[in-house]
Amino acid sequence: MQYPQFLTEMEDILDMPRASVTGSVVLAQCEAWDSLAMLCFTVMASENFGREIPGRLLRCARTVDDLYALSATDAGLCEPA
C-alpha cells in the first residue's frame, strides 16, 4: 500500500473528511482514535502490509506517520517495556 492510499484508509478509520488527514495528525487529538479505531488499524495493517502490530508498539504511536512507520517498516517506535 502506498502512502496516499494509507492516508485515505486513515481518513476512514478516524472518520475524518477526505484530504484532511496528513502524517502530522496527532492521534491523541482525534476524537475517533479509540480502541475500535486501533482495532481497525491493526486489521488494515495486517491485510495490506502483512504485519501484526503488538499493542505495546501501537500505544507508542503519536501521529499518523508513526502508524505508517509501524505498518510499512520493521522500525519500532519505542523500546519494549
N, C-alpha and C. Protein backbone atom coordinates (compact mmCIF):
# COMPACT_ATOMS: atom_id res chain seq x y z
N MET A 1 0.84 -1.17 0.00
CA MET A 1 0.00 0.00 0.00
C MET A 1 0.89 1.24 0.00
N GLN A 2 0.61 2.13 -0.91
CA GLN A 2 1.35 3.38 -0.99
C GLN A 2 0.82 4.37 0.04
N TYR A 3 1.65 5.34 0.38
CA TYR A 3 1.33 6.32 1.41
C TYR A 3 0.01 7.07 1.17
N PRO A 4 -0.28 7.55 -0.05
CA PRO A 4 -1.57 8.23 -0.25
C PRO A 4 -2.78 7.35 0.04
N GLN A 5 -2.69 6.08 -0.33
CA GLN A 5 -3.79 5.16 -0.04
C GLN A 5 -3.88 4.92 1.47
N PHE A 6 -2.75 4.85 2.14
CA PHE A 6 -2.73 4.70 3.60
C PHE A 6 -3.47 5.88 4.25
N LEU A 7 -3.19 7.09 3.79
CA LEU A 7 -3.87 8.26 4.35
C LEU A 7 -5.38 8.19 4.13
N THR A 8 -5.79 7.71 2.97
CA THR A 8 -7.22 7.55 2.70
C THR A 8 -7.84 6.54 3.66
N GLU A 9 -7.15 5.44 3.89
CA GLU A 9 -7.64 4.45 4.85
C GLU A 9 -7.74 5.05 6.26
N MET A 10 -6.75 5.87 6.63
CA MET A 10 -6.77 6.50 7.95
C MET A 10 -7.91 7.50 8.06
N GLU A 11 -8.28 8.16 6.97
CA GLU A 11 -9.44 9.04 7.00
C GLU A 11 -10.70 8.26 7.35
N ASP A 12 -10.83 7.08 6.79
CA ASP A 12 -11.98 6.24 7.11
C ASP A 12 -11.93 5.79 8.56
N ILE A 13 -10.79 5.33 9.01
CA ILE A 13 -10.65 4.84 10.39
C ILE A 13 -10.91 5.95 11.39
N LEU A 14 -10.41 7.14 11.10
CA LEU A 14 -10.55 8.27 12.03
C LEU A 14 -11.83 9.07 11.78
N ASP A 15 -12.63 8.61 10.82
CA ASP A 15 -13.91 9.26 10.50
C ASP A 15 -13.70 10.76 10.23
N MET A 16 -12.74 11.03 9.36
CA MET A 16 -12.41 12.41 9.01
C MET A 16 -12.69 12.64 7.52
N PRO A 17 -12.95 13.90 7.14
CA PRO A 17 -13.24 14.20 5.73
C PRO A 17 -12.06 13.86 4.81
N ARG A 18 -12.38 13.64 3.55
CA ARG A 18 -11.36 13.35 2.54
C ARG A 18 -10.33 14.48 2.47
N ALA A 19 -9.09 14.08 2.28
CA ALA A 19 -7.95 15.00 2.14
C ALA A 19 -7.69 15.82 3.40
N SER A 20 -8.19 15.35 4.55
CA SER A 20 -7.96 16.10 5.80
C SER A 20 -6.88 15.47 6.67
N VAL A 21 -6.52 14.23 6.39
CA VAL A 21 -5.52 13.54 7.21
C VAL A 21 -4.15 13.68 6.57
N THR A 22 -3.20 14.15 7.36
CA THR A 22 -1.80 14.21 6.95
C THR A 22 -1.00 13.39 7.95
N GLY A 23 0.24 13.18 7.63
CA GLY A 23 1.09 12.40 8.52
C GLY A 23 1.31 13.04 9.87
N SER A 24 1.14 14.35 9.95
CA SER A 24 1.40 15.05 11.20
C SER A 24 0.20 15.11 12.14
N VAL A 25 -0.92 14.51 11.74
CA VAL A 25 -2.09 14.50 12.61
C VAL A 25 -1.74 13.76 13.90
N VAL A 26 -2.01 14.41 15.02
CA VAL A 26 -1.72 13.83 16.34
C VAL A 26 -2.91 12.97 16.76
N LEU A 27 -2.65 11.70 16.99
CA LEU A 27 -3.72 10.75 17.28
C LEU A 27 -4.50 11.12 18.55
N ALA A 28 -3.81 11.58 19.57
CA ALA A 28 -4.47 11.93 20.83
C ALA A 28 -5.47 13.07 20.66
N GLN A 29 -5.34 13.84 19.59
CA GLN A 29 -6.24 14.95 19.34
C GLN A 29 -7.42 14.55 18.45
N CYS A 30 -7.46 13.30 18.04
CA CYS A 30 -8.55 12.79 17.20
C CYS A 30 -9.56 12.09 18.09
N GLU A 31 -10.76 12.64 18.10
CA GLU A 31 -11.82 12.07 18.94
C GLU A 31 -12.09 10.60 18.59
N ALA A 32 -11.93 10.26 17.33
CA ALA A 32 -12.23 8.90 16.88
C ALA A 32 -11.10 7.90 17.14
N TRP A 33 -9.93 8.35 17.62
CA TRP A 33 -8.83 7.42 17.89
C TRP A 33 -9.10 6.75 19.23
N ASP A 34 -9.81 5.64 19.16
CA ASP A 34 -10.19 4.89 20.34
C ASP A 34 -9.87 3.42 20.11
N SER A 35 -10.33 2.58 21.00
CA SER A 35 -10.00 1.15 20.88
C SER A 35 -10.53 0.53 19.59
N LEU A 36 -11.69 0.97 19.13
CA LEU A 36 -12.22 0.44 17.88
C LEU A 36 -11.37 0.89 16.69
N ALA A 37 -10.93 2.15 16.70
CA ALA A 37 -10.05 2.64 15.63
C ALA A 37 -8.72 1.90 15.64
N MET A 38 -8.20 1.61 16.84
CA MET A 38 -6.95 0.86 16.94
C MET A 38 -7.12 -0.54 16.36
N LEU A 39 -8.25 -1.15 16.64
CA LEU A 39 -8.53 -2.48 16.09
C LEU A 39 -8.63 -2.41 14.57
N CYS A 40 -9.35 -1.42 14.06
CA CYS A 40 -9.47 -1.26 12.60
C CYS A 40 -8.10 -1.04 11.97
N PHE A 41 -7.27 -0.25 12.63
CA PHE A 41 -5.92 -0.01 12.11
C PHE A 41 -5.12 -1.31 12.07
N THR A 42 -5.16 -2.10 13.13
CA THR A 42 -4.37 -3.33 13.15
C THR A 42 -4.84 -4.31 12.07
N VAL A 43 -6.15 -4.35 11.82
CA VAL A 43 -6.67 -5.21 10.75
C VAL A 43 -6.18 -4.70 9.39
N MET A 44 -6.25 -3.39 9.18
CA MET A 44 -5.78 -2.80 7.93
C MET A 44 -4.29 -3.08 7.72
N ALA A 45 -3.49 -2.93 8.77
CA ALA A 45 -2.05 -3.19 8.66
C ALA A 45 -1.79 -4.65 8.34
N SER A 46 -2.55 -5.53 8.93
CA SER A 46 -2.39 -6.95 8.68
C SER A 46 -2.77 -7.30 7.24
N GLU A 47 -3.90 -6.79 6.78
CA GLU A 47 -4.38 -7.10 5.43
C GLU A 47 -3.51 -6.49 4.34
N ASN A 48 -3.04 -5.27 4.56
CA ASN A 48 -2.35 -4.55 3.49
C ASN A 48 -0.83 -4.63 3.56
N PHE A 49 -0.29 -4.86 4.74
CA PHE A 49 1.16 -4.90 4.90
C PHE A 49 1.66 -6.25 5.41
N GLY A 50 0.74 -7.13 5.81
CA GLY A 50 1.14 -8.42 6.34
C GLY A 50 1.82 -8.31 7.69
N ARG A 51 1.48 -7.29 8.46
CA ARG A 51 2.13 -7.05 9.75
C ARG A 51 1.15 -7.23 10.90
N GLU A 52 1.63 -7.88 11.92
CA GLU A 52 0.90 -7.98 13.18
C GLU A 52 1.58 -7.00 14.13
N ILE A 53 0.88 -5.97 14.51
CA ILE A 53 1.46 -4.91 15.34
C ILE A 53 1.02 -5.11 16.78
N PRO A 54 1.97 -5.37 17.67
CA PRO A 54 1.62 -5.56 19.08
C PRO A 54 1.07 -4.28 19.69
N GLY A 55 0.16 -4.42 20.63
CA GLY A 55 -0.45 -3.27 21.29
C GLY A 55 0.56 -2.34 21.93
N ARG A 56 1.64 -2.89 22.48
CA ARG A 56 2.63 -2.04 23.15
C ARG A 56 3.29 -1.09 22.16
N LEU A 57 3.47 -1.52 20.91
CA LEU A 57 4.02 -0.62 19.89
C LEU A 57 2.96 0.35 19.38
N LEU A 58 1.74 -0.12 19.25
CA LEU A 58 0.66 0.74 18.80
C LEU A 58 0.46 1.90 19.78
N ARG A 59 0.58 1.62 21.06
CA ARG A 59 0.41 2.67 22.08
C ARG A 59 1.53 3.71 22.02
N CYS A 60 2.65 3.40 21.42
CA CYS A 60 3.75 4.35 21.28
C CYS A 60 3.54 5.33 20.13
N ALA A 61 2.65 5.00 19.21
CA ALA A 61 2.41 5.86 18.06
C ALA A 61 1.75 7.16 18.51
N ARG A 62 2.29 8.27 18.05
CA ARG A 62 1.75 9.58 18.40
C ARG A 62 1.07 10.26 17.22
N THR A 63 1.53 9.94 16.00
CA THR A 63 0.99 10.58 14.80
C THR A 63 0.62 9.53 13.76
N VAL A 64 -0.06 9.98 12.73
CA VAL A 64 -0.40 9.10 11.61
C VAL A 64 0.87 8.58 10.95
N ASP A 65 1.89 9.43 10.84
CA ASP A 65 3.16 8.96 10.28
C ASP A 65 3.78 7.85 11.12
N ASP A 66 3.63 7.92 12.43
CA ASP A 66 4.11 6.84 13.30
C ASP A 66 3.42 5.53 12.96
N LEU A 67 2.11 5.60 12.71
CA LEU A 67 1.37 4.40 12.34
C LEU A 67 1.85 3.84 11.01
N TYR A 68 2.13 4.72 10.06
CA TYR A 68 2.65 4.26 8.78
C TYR A 68 4.01 3.58 8.96
N ALA A 69 4.84 4.16 9.80
CA ALA A 69 6.16 3.57 10.06
C ALA A 69 6.02 2.18 10.66
N LEU A 70 5.07 2.02 11.56
CA LEU A 70 4.83 0.70 12.15
C LEU A 70 4.35 -0.30 11.11
N SER A 71 3.55 0.19 10.18
CA SER A 71 2.95 -0.69 9.17
C SER A 71 3.91 -1.07 8.07
N ALA A 72 4.66 -0.10 7.60
CA ALA A 72 5.43 -0.28 6.37
C ALA A 72 6.87 -0.67 6.57
N THR A 73 7.37 -0.59 7.79
CA THR A 73 8.77 -0.90 8.03
C THR A 73 8.92 -1.81 9.25
N ASP A 74 10.12 -2.26 9.45
CA ASP A 74 10.40 -3.06 10.63
C ASP A 74 10.83 -2.20 11.82
N ALA A 75 10.83 -0.88 11.63
CA ALA A 75 11.28 0.01 12.68
C ALA A 75 10.26 0.07 13.81
N GLY A 76 10.74 0.06 15.01
CA GLY A 76 9.90 0.23 16.17
C GLY A 76 9.95 1.67 16.64
N LEU A 77 8.93 2.08 17.35
CA LEU A 77 8.85 3.46 17.82
C LEU A 77 9.35 3.62 19.25
N CYS A 78 9.32 2.54 19.99
CA CYS A 78 9.75 2.64 21.38
C CYS A 78 10.32 1.30 21.80
N GLU A 79 11.07 1.35 22.84
CA GLU A 79 11.68 0.13 23.36
C GLU A 79 10.60 -0.71 24.06
N PRO A 80 10.68 -2.01 23.97
CA PRO A 80 9.72 -2.86 24.66
C PRO A 80 9.78 -2.60 26.17
N ALA A 81 8.61 -2.66 26.77
CA ALA A 81 8.52 -2.45 28.22
C ALA A 81 8.95 -3.68 28.98
